[in-house]
């Protein structure tokens, strides 16, 4: 099946894009593996006729928004993101009425309809840079309240209003101070994702996006790392840096990220199901917000 996947990819001029949280057998077949920002940039740069996104729906939507004339498919149609579901267009519109002078920054982990109402999008890798680039003093930031708290701590001159107040990723909310204490007893560096709760961020040695973790690991050092994010990230780090020790929490699993199998990927290439289709007006507005983010990141 893996051989057929590679043949189909060539035959159809297809590119396979996989997030860092995908199972390792999917990552091994991908042309691009990265975080949400890396996948967004590569989606914009690709010359492929068919884009297969191995991730969750908002990632496939982002690829489609940036490539409206290309076919984008998500191998498993119901691979969603509970975090993205926290933010709705109605919430954004209500908040804009209450704070008319505020800028709207929407995390890329959101629906296309929410992105279409944003002034700019962001990822965990560039959220601070994106917010710092805006002239507005007040920022409506959604849907992850923990990432909003991280940005607030880094930019105290801004007023960050989380939208909604309790938006979160259930995987990262699973990390506790008991996990920190256990890691400290065994020794090593604690590296946490900014979607972790603020009390975990405060106790960690380093806060980084998944791409930031890869860059930091590349900088050297031989101390063990405790990787406080979805468990597959530690697997990816072990592949990239086989001489290093990376510990994961085996219970930190995103169920939606694990839905895609090799059989699903093969079927997606063969049948070109399930195609992502979005209203043109939603794509046009969302594209402006995403491209502003990419410009700031560049």
Foldseek 3Di string as FASTA:
>chain_A
DLVLLVVLCVVQQEFEEEELQAPPVSVVSGPYYYHLLRLLVVLLVDPGQEYEYQFADLSQVSSCLSVVNHWYAYLDPHLAAQLQVLDDPVLVVVVCVVVVQAFEEEESNHHLLNLLSHPAYAYLACVLLVVVVDPGQEYEYDDQQLSQVVSCVVCVSHHYQHRVNHRAGPLQQPDDVVNVVVDVVVDFFEEEESRHHPVVVVSGPYYHDLVRVLVVVVVDDATEYEYRAAQSSQVVSCVVPVNHHYDYDPVSHDPSSHPDDPVSSSCCSVVVPDTDDDDPSSSVSSSSNHVVRVVSVD
